[in-house]
Amino acid sequence: MDNATYGSGTVRPEQKSGLPTFVQWPAFPFHGDFRLKPIDPPVPREPERRGSDPADCVSCKGRDEDYLWSNERWRLKAPHEPSGLPVVVVLEPRAHLDLGDLSSMHAAELGLLTVRLERAVRSLESVSQVHVNRWGDGTAHLQQWFLGRPTGYLQMRGPFMTMWDEILPPVDRRQWQSDLAYIAAWMDED
């Protein structure tokens, strides 16, 4: 698609009232009347992402004590407070690298750690599935997110997990802390 297509206002045949079909999906967390925002024109130059300079990178400045788990090349963190999902954790390399910058060794380790972490989160009674995501627009330091879908809440299946995390009331703090400690211990297993 070229930039003119994005801003053309053309509606796909499957869309009703100009809205994408996902607003009808059971997982979509809202109902009612919605209006599609117009697409802004493209900017001539993309802005720098947060932490583009390693000297300004929050992840690079982080102390191991602020993380749930770490080894010589990777660290795992959680939000400071519980949120609506049972578990939200973020895996980061120690080195100031983005996904495309990973060496073959880092890439192989990322694969192994992703599987290990997914298994750890999914092994919790409160979690049925784990969504693994990487968004590249926020920070220049790779952050791979793991979001645990609450067991039995089929309405939350699909791509709207981050919205549900903001909508649901925070989970019980003691259970959340216990689950995070369990995940950290699992990461130390070989």
C-alpha atoms as a PDB file:
ATOM      1  CA  MET A   1       0.000   0.000   0.000  1.00  0.00           C
ATOM      2  CA  ASP A   2       1.253   3.447  -0.718  1.00  0.00           C
ATOM      3  CA  ASN A   3       0.735   6.406   1.584  1.00  0.00           C
ATOM      4  CA  ALA A   4      -2.105   7.762  -0.552  1.00  0.00           C
ATOM      5  CA  THR A   5      -4.070   4.568   0.038  1.00  0.00           C
ATOM      6  CA  TYR A   6      -3.826   4.929   3.832  1.00  0.00           C
ATOM      7  CA  GLY A   7      -5.415   8.353   3.824  1.00  0.00           C
ATOM      8  CA  SER A   8      -7.905   7.780   1.013  1.00  0.00           C
ATOM      9  CA  GLY A   9     -10.824   6.937   3.294  1.00  0.00           C
ATOM     10  CA  THR A  10     -11.651   3.945   1.107  1.00  0.00           C
ATOM     11  CA  VAL A  11     -13.673   1.329   2.977  1.00  0.00           C
ATOM     12  CA  ARG A  12     -13.074  -2.358   2.383  1.00  0.00           C
ATOM     13  CA  PRO A  13     -16.193  -4.193   1.248  1.00  0.00           C
ATOM     14  CA  GLU A  14     -16.289  -6.306   4.439  1.00  0.00           C
ATOM     15  CA  GLN A  15     -16.319  -3.198   6.655  1.00  0.00           C
ATOM     16  CA  LYS A  16     -19.586  -1.741   7.873  1.00  0.00           C
ATOM     17  CA  SER A  17     -19.768   1.982   8.430  1.00  0.00           C
ATOM     18  CA  GLY A  18     -16.053   2.279   7.698  1.00  0.00           C
ATOM     19  CA  LEU A  19     -15.025   0.272  10.779  1.00  0.00           C
ATOM     20  CA  PRO A  20     -12.763  -2.775  10.591  1.00  0.00           C
ATOM     21  CA  THR A  21     -14.401  -6.157  11.086  1.00  0.00           C
ATOM     22  CA  PHE A  22     -12.546  -6.784  14.359  1.00  0.00           C
ATOM     23  CA  VAL A  23     -14.977  -4.486  16.199  1.00  0.00           C
ATOM     24  CA  GLN A  24     -17.453  -7.388  15.810  1.00  0.00           C
ATOM     25  CA  TRP A  25     -15.072 -10.026  17.228  1.00  0.00           C
ATOM     26  CA  PRO A  26     -16.031 -11.465  20.646  1.00  0.00           C
ATOM     27  CA  ALA A  27     -12.585 -10.482  21.975  1.00  0.00           C
ATOM     28  CA  PHE A  28     -13.024  -6.795  21.142  1.00  0.00           C
ATOM     29  CA  PRO A  29     -13.493  -5.170  24.570  1.00  0.00           C
ATOM     30  CA  PHE A  30     -15.913  -2.404  23.581  1.00  0.00           C
ATOM     31  CA  HIS A  31     -19.352  -2.042  22.062  1.00  0.00           C
ATOM     32  CA  GLY A  32     -21.378   0.882  20.902  1.00  0.00           C
ATOM     33  CA  ASP A  33     -20.886   3.486  18.254  1.00  0.00           C
ATOM     34  CA  PHE A  34     -17.338   4.118  17.127  1.00  0.00           C
ATOM     35  CA  ARG A  35     -15.851   6.492  14.641  1.00  0.00           C
ATOM     36  CA  LEU A  36     -12.663   5.764  12.793  1.00  0.00           C
ATOM     37  CA  LYS A  37      -9.954   8.382  13.297  1.00  0.00           C
ATOM     38  CA  PRO A  38      -8.595   9.844  10.089  1.00  0.00           C
ATOM     39  CA  ILE A  39      -5.112   8.679   9.166  1.00  0.00           C
ATOM     40  CA  ASP A  40      -2.582  11.455   9.687  1.00  0.00           C
ATOM     41  CA  PRO A  41      -0.376  12.289   6.733  1.00  0.00           C
ATOM     42  CA  PRO A  42       3.057  10.643   6.858  1.00  0.00           C
ATOM     43  CA  VAL A  43       5.835  12.570   8.545  1.00  0.00           C
ATOM     44  CA  PRO A  44       8.893  13.411   6.457  1.00  0.00           C
ATOM     45  CA  ARG A  45      11.236  11.840   9.025  1.00  0.00           C
ATOM     46  CA  GLU A  46      10.553   9.240  11.702  1.00  0.00           C
ATOM     47  CA  PRO A  47      11.442  10.455  15.220  1.00  0.00           C
ATOM     48  CA  GLU A  48      14.151   8.792  17.271  1.00  0.00           C
ATOM     49  CA  ARG A  49      12.870   6.080  19.572  1.00  0.00           C
ATOM     50  CA  ARG A  50      13.353   6.378  23.341  1.00  0.00           C
ATOM     51  CA  GLY A  51      16.791   5.201  24.316  1.00  0.00           C
ATOM     52  CA  SER A  52      18.285   5.386  20.827  1.00  0.00           C
ATOM     53  CA  ASP A  53      21.432   6.602  22.540  1.00  0.00           C
ATOM     54  CA  PRO A  54      22.532   3.908  25.039  1.00  0.00           C
ATOM     55  CA  ALA A  55      23.501   6.702  27.460  1.00  0.00           C
ATOM     56  CA  ASP A  56      19.799   7.662  27.660  1.00  0.00           C
ATOM     57  CA  CYS A  57      18.389   4.128  27.637  1.00  0.00           C
ATOM     58  CA  VAL A  58      16.315   3.256  30.719  1.00  0.00           C
ATOM     59  CA  SER A  59      16.916  -0.479  30.201  1.00  0.00           C
ATOM     60  CA  CYS A  60      20.690  -0.031  30.008  1.00  0.00           C
ATOM     61  CA  LYS A  61      20.626   2.045  33.214  1.00  0.00           C
ATOM     62  CA  GLY A  62      18.492  -0.521  35.066  1.00  0.00           C
ATOM     63  CA  ARG A  63      19.958  -2.314  38.065  1.00  0.00           C
ATOM     64  CA  ASP A  64      19.704  -6.080  38.400  1.00  0.00           C
ATOM     65  CA  GLU A  65      17.841  -5.560  41.687  1.00  0.00           C
ATOM     66  CA  ASP A  66      14.992  -4.027  39.669  1.00  0.00           C
ATOM     67  CA  TYR A  67      14.551  -7.229  37.653  1.00  0.00           C
ATOM     68  CA  LEU A  68      12.877 -10.538  38.521  1.00  0.00           C
ATOM     69  CA  TRP A  69      15.638 -12.600  36.978  1.00  0.00           C
ATOM     70  CA  SER A  70      18.882 -12.060  35.140  1.00  0.00           C
ATOM     71  CA  ASN A  71      21.855 -13.895  33.735  1.00  0.00           C
ATOM     72  CA  GLU A  72      24.993 -12.689  31.967  1.00  0.00           C
ATOM     73  CA  ARG A  73      23.105 -11.646  28.799  1.00  0.00           C
ATOM     74  CA  TRP A  74      19.367 -11.330  29.622  1.00  0.00           C
ATOM     75  CA  ARG A  75      17.050  -9.779  32.209  1.00  0.00           C
ATOM     76  CA  LEU A  76      13.363 -10.224  32.997  1.00  0.00           C
ATOM     77  CA  LYS A  77      11.190  -7.521  34.536  1.00  0.00           C
ATOM     78  CA  ALA A  78       7.575  -6.959  35.513  1.00  0.00           C
ATOM     79  CA  PRO A  79       5.550  -3.788  35.962  1.00  0.00           C
ATOM     80  CA  HIS A  80       5.932  -2.133  39.376  1.00  0.00           C
ATOM     81  CA  GLU A  81       2.290  -2.820  40.230  1.00  0.00           C
ATOM     82  CA  PRO A  82      -0.115  -5.635  39.404  1.00  0.00           C
ATOM     83  CA  SER A  83      -2.388  -5.056  36.436  1.00  0.00           C
ATOM     84  CA  GLY A  84      -5.512  -6.737  35.087  1.00  0.00           C
ATOM     85  CA  LEU A  85      -3.812  -9.804  33.617  1.00  0.00           C
ATOM     86  CA  PRO A  86      -2.381 -12.454  35.950  1.00  0.00           C
ATOM     87  CA  VAL A  87       1.119 -11.991  34.503  1.00  0.00           C
ATOM     88  CA  VAL A  88       2.864  -9.409  32.346  1.00  0.00           C
ATOM     89  CA  VAL A  89       6.650  -9.747  32.080  1.00  0.00           C
ATOM     90  CA  VAL A  90       9.236  -8.311  29.711  1.00  0.00           C
ATOM     91  CA  LEU A  91      12.446 -10.006  28.548  1.00  0.00           C
ATOM     92  CA  GLU A  92      15.348  -7.737  27.545  1.00  0.00           C
ATOM     93  CA  PRO A  93      18.952  -8.285  26.501  1.00  0.00           C
ATOM     94  CA  ARG A  94      21.545  -6.684  28.780  1.00  0.00           C
ATOM     95  CA  ALA A  95      23.318  -5.261  25.759  1.00  0.00           C
ATOM     96  CA  HIS A  96      21.756  -2.323  23.954  1.00  0.00           C
ATOM     97  CA  LEU A  97      20.344  -4.370  21.070  1.00  0.00           C
ATOM     98  CA  ASP A  98      17.142  -4.399  19.087  1.00  0.00           C
ATOM     99  CA  LEU A  99      15.717  -7.515  17.458  1.00  0.00           C
ATOM    100  CA  GLY A 100      17.538  -7.030  14.165  1.00  0.00           C
ATOM    101  CA  ASP A 101      20.817  -6.351  16.006  1.00  0.00           C
ATOM    102  CA  LEU A 102      20.975  -9.698  17.834  1.00  0.00           C
ATOM    103  CA  SER A 103      23.996 -11.864  17.175  1.00  0.00           C
ATOM    104  CA  SER A 104      23.361 -15.506  16.257  1.00  0.00           C
ATOM    105  CA  MET A 105      24.116 -16.425  19.879  1.00  0.00           C
ATOM    106  CA  HIS A 106      21.654 -13.853  21.259  1.00  0.00           C
ATOM    107  CA  ALA A 107      19.018 -14.943  18.723  1.00  0.00           C
ATOM    108  CA  ALA A 108      19.394 -18.601  19.698  1.00  0.00           C
ATOM    109  CA  GLU A 109      19.177 -17.709  23.377  1.00  0.00           C
ATOM    110  CA  LEU A 110      16.111 -15.567  22.744  1.00  0.00           C
ATOM    111  CA  GLY A 111      14.401 -18.575  21.204  1.00  0.00           C
ATOM    112  CA  LEU A 112      15.258 -20.825  24.146  1.00  0.00           C
ATOM    113  CA  LEU A 113      14.306 -18.204  26.734  1.00  0.00           C
ATOM    114  CA  THR A 114      11.041 -17.458  24.938  1.00  0.00           C
ATOM    115  CA  VAL A 115      10.014 -21.117  25.125  1.00  0.00           C
ATOM    116  CA  ARG A 116      11.132 -21.422  28.754  1.00  0.00           C
ATOM    117  CA  LEU A 117       9.307 -18.263  29.782  1.00  0.00           C
ATOM    118  CA  GLU A 118       6.138 -19.190  27.891  1.00  0.00           C
ATOM    119  CA  ARG A 119       6.113 -22.557  29.671  1.00  0.00           C
ATOM    120  CA  ALA A 120       6.683 -20.913  33.046  1.00  0.00           C
ATOM    121  CA  VAL A 121       3.838 -18.429  32.618  1.00  0.00           C
ATOM    122  CA  ARG A 122       1.483 -21.028  31.125  1.00  0.00           C
ATOM    123  CA  SER A 123       2.148 -23.408  34.021  1.00  0.00           C
ATOM    124  CA  LEU A 124       0.376 -21.033  36.428  1.00  0.00           C
ATOM    125  CA  GLU A 125      -3.178 -22.110  37.321  1.00  0.00           C
ATOM    126  CA  SER A 126      -4.433 -18.609  36.606  1.00  0.00           C
ATOM    127  CA  VAL A 127      -3.125 -18.620  32.998  1.00  0.00           C
ATOM    128  CA  SER A 128      -4.452 -20.560  29.993  1.00  0.00           C
ATOM    129  CA  GLN A 129      -2.433 -19.055  27.158  1.00  0.00           C
ATOM    130  CA  VAL A 130       0.521 -16.725  26.762  1.00  0.00           C
ATOM    131  CA  HIS A 131       0.745 -13.995  24.150  1.00  0.00           C
ATOM    132  CA  VAL A 132       4.312 -13.118  23.146  1.00  0.00           C
ATOM    133  CA  ASN A 133       4.765  -9.691  21.577  1.00  0.00           C
ATOM    134  CA  ARG A 134       7.411  -7.268  20.488  1.00  0.00           C
ATOM    135  CA  TRP A 135       6.478  -3.699  19.588  1.00  0.00           C
ATOM    136  CA  GLY A 136       9.312  -1.782  17.991  1.00  0.00           C
ATOM    137  CA  ASP A 137       8.066   1.792  18.044  1.00  0.00           C
ATOM    138  CA  GLY A 138       8.434   2.644  21.733  1.00  0.00           C
ATOM    139  CA  THR A 139      12.019   1.961  22.685  1.00  0.00           C
ATOM    140  CA  ALA A 140      15.241   1.209  20.837  1.00  0.00           C
ATOM    141  CA  HIS A 141      16.170  -1.539  23.359  1.00  0.00           C
ATOM    142  CA  LEU A 142      14.540  -4.892  22.547  1.00  0.00           C
ATOM    143  CA  GLN A 143      11.641  -5.729  24.839  1.00  0.00           C
ATOM    144  CA  GLN A 144       9.740  -8.967  24.330  1.00  0.00           C
ATOM    145  CA  TRP A 145       6.454  -8.996  26.236  1.00  0.00           C
ATOM    146  CA  PHE A 146       4.722 -12.056  27.719  1.00  0.00           C
ATOM    147  CA  LEU A 147       1.044 -11.586  28.597  1.00  0.00           C
ATOM    148  CA  GLY A 148      -0.849 -14.334  30.415  1.00  0.00           C
ATOM    149  CA  ARG A 149      -4.514 -14.742  29.453  1.00  0.00           C
ATOM    150  CA  PRO A 150      -6.631 -15.541  32.513  1.00  0.00           C
ATOM    151  CA  THR A 151      -7.934 -19.103  32.624  1.00  0.00           C
ATOM    152  CA  GLY A 152     -11.532 -19.442  31.502  1.00  0.00           C
ATOM    153  CA  TYR A 153     -11.882 -15.944  30.028  1.00  0.00           C
ATOM    154  CA  LEU A 154     -12.401 -16.894  26.394  1.00  0.00           C
ATOM    155  CA  GLN A 155     -13.622 -13.407  25.547  1.00  0.00           C
ATOM    156  CA  MET A 156     -10.037 -12.212  26.020  1.00  0.00           C
ATOM    157  CA  ARG A 157      -8.573 -14.461  23.345  1.00  0.00           C
ATOM    158  CA  GLY A 158      -6.905 -12.668  20.483  1.00  0.00           C
ATOM    159  CA  PRO A 159      -5.005  -9.475  19.793  1.00  0.00           C
ATOM    160  CA  PHE A 160      -6.607  -7.201  22.395  1.00  0.00           C
ATOM    161  CA  MET A 161      -4.777  -8.484  25.483  1.00  0.00           C
ATOM    162  CA  THR A 162      -3.059  -5.170  26.154  1.00  0.00           C
ATOM    163  CA  MET A 163      -6.444  -3.441  26.186  1.00  0.00           C
ATOM    164  CA  TRP A 164      -7.890  -6.008  28.589  1.00  0.00           C
ATOM    165  CA  ASP A 165      -4.854  -5.550  30.832  1.00  0.00           C
ATOM    166  CA  GLU A 166      -5.764  -1.858  31.182  1.00  0.00           C
ATOM    167  CA  ILE A 167      -9.511  -2.495  31.565  1.00  0.00           C
ATOM    168  CA  LEU A 168      -9.581  -5.280  34.168  1.00  0.00           C
ATOM    169  CA  PRO A 169      -9.111  -4.476  37.858  1.00  0.00           C
ATOM    170  CA  PRO A 170      -5.635  -5.304  39.212  1.00  0.00           C
ATOM    171  CA  VAL A 171      -5.094  -8.889  40.302  1.00  0.00           C
ATOM    172  CA  ASP A 172      -4.449  -9.713  43.952  1.00  0.00           C
ATOM    173  CA  ARG A 173      -1.031  -8.333  44.929  1.00  0.00           C
ATOM    174  CA  ARG A 174       0.066 -11.346  47.036  1.00  0.00           C
ATOM    175  CA  GLN A 175      -0.856 -13.818  44.302  1.00  0.00           C
ATOM    176  CA  TRP A 176       0.871 -11.625  41.714  1.00  0.00           C
ATOM    177  CA  GLN A 177       4.077 -11.491  43.777  1.00  0.00           C
ATOM    178  CA  SER A 178       3.946 -15.248  44.344  1.00  0.00           C
ATOM    179  CA  ASP A 179       3.480 -15.896  40.612  1.00  0.00           C
ATOM    180  CA  LEU A 180       6.399 -13.621  39.714  1.00  0.00           C
ATOM    181  CA  ALA A 181       8.658 -15.404  42.228  1.00  0.00           C
ATOM    182  CA  TYR A 182       7.602 -18.739  40.729  1.00  0.00           C
ATOM    183  CA  ILE A 183       8.455 -17.533  37.203  1.00  0.00           C
ATOM    184  CA  ALA A 184      11.858 -16.242  38.345  1.00  0.00           C
ATOM    185  CA  ALA A 185      12.620 -19.617  39.957  1.00  0.00           C
ATOM    186  CA  TRP A 186      11.536 -21.424  36.782  1.00  0.00           C
ATOM    187  CA  MET A 187      13.947 -19.276  34.743  1.00  0.00           C
ATOM    188  CA  ASP A 188      16.840 -20.487  36.925  1.00  0.00           C
ATOM    189  CA  GLU A 189      16.039 -24.132  36.084  1.00  0.00           C
ATOM    190  CA  ASP A 190      18.020 -25.767  33.312  1.00  0.00           C
END
